[in-house]
Amino acid sequence: MPVGALSEDDFYRVLDEVVGPEDEVLAVFSGLYTFAHRFRWAPHETPTKLLDVFEDFIGSRRTLVVPAYCFSFPRTRIFDLKRTQTDIGVLPDCAVERPTFSRLVKPMNSYMVTGPRSEEFLNLPCRTAWGQDGALAWLARVNAKILILGVPWHEACSLYHYAEELLSVPYRYHKRFHGDLRQDGISLGSCEEVMYSRSANVSPNWDHGRIYPRLVESGAVISAKHPAIPLEASHASDIVAVTCEMLEQNPYAYVTNDDEVRNWVIHGKVREIASLSEEERFEG
């Protein structure tokens, strides 16, 4: 397709193809760099234009969730609800700047949300980032429609991590991260997030790409028909079910250096947890 041929109408049509009338909550994981140049406008306008379409598409009935992760927090120890940009792309950064969106007050696994269920989402306790009272668990509980736009599933779908914490995979442990919470430069106090962390000494090598073929095989993935707009979708409950099935069969199912990681679990995990500071420890 020639550069500059796509319009907003094309994007509305692909959303209609993958979102059903029963889908009240949408969560979009995106990488616009793969196709932003294909629209009629300048590529730098694509985040604003597509977010406009998303907001119009959800109307007053649906709720839209956009991940706004910030993995630099352990280094900076500062989380500003208005000024902290995300580490995952231009569409989330655009959402951060919009007054129609509100931000979950979690510094690393933060989300932007708009729509009728926003207050419910923003009031989640989130005692741990991927735990049963957190954002990912909520997406699974309400069976949100997960939209994967312009990126491979293995680079985008955080629900894999929810399954890891749900099943307590052995190669992770809980670790707390503290810092300063700010609103447009004004201090609001402190903030924290408890991650289900991998080892700081023996890093697992992931191959989350092993999950996608199983999702397709199970019939859980819906693909948009337009060849120039890379959009696929699945219900959150289906993603969790397929991932849990894999991990129940083998907790190291997508760890490629599993011998090294298993050795750390047996010989190094307890020692690494014991080395945490009081501030970093989380007893659950």
Foldseek 3Di string as FASTA:
>chain_A
DDFAPDDLVVVLQLCPQADDPLAQEEEEWEDCVQFLRRHNDHSVCSLVSVVVSVDVSNPQRHKYKYWFFAPCCLPPLEAAQQPDGGPRYDNQRVLSPDPQWGWQPAHGGIMIMHHDCRVVQNPQPQQADLDCSHNLVVQLVSQHKYKYWHDDCLVTPPLLVNLCVVVVQLQWQKWKGKHFYHYPNHTPGIHMHIYRDGDPVDDFDFDSVVQVVVCVVVVFKGAGDDPSIGMIIGTSNSSSVSSNVQCVVPVCSGGPPVVSSVVCSVPPPVVRQVPDDPNTDDDD
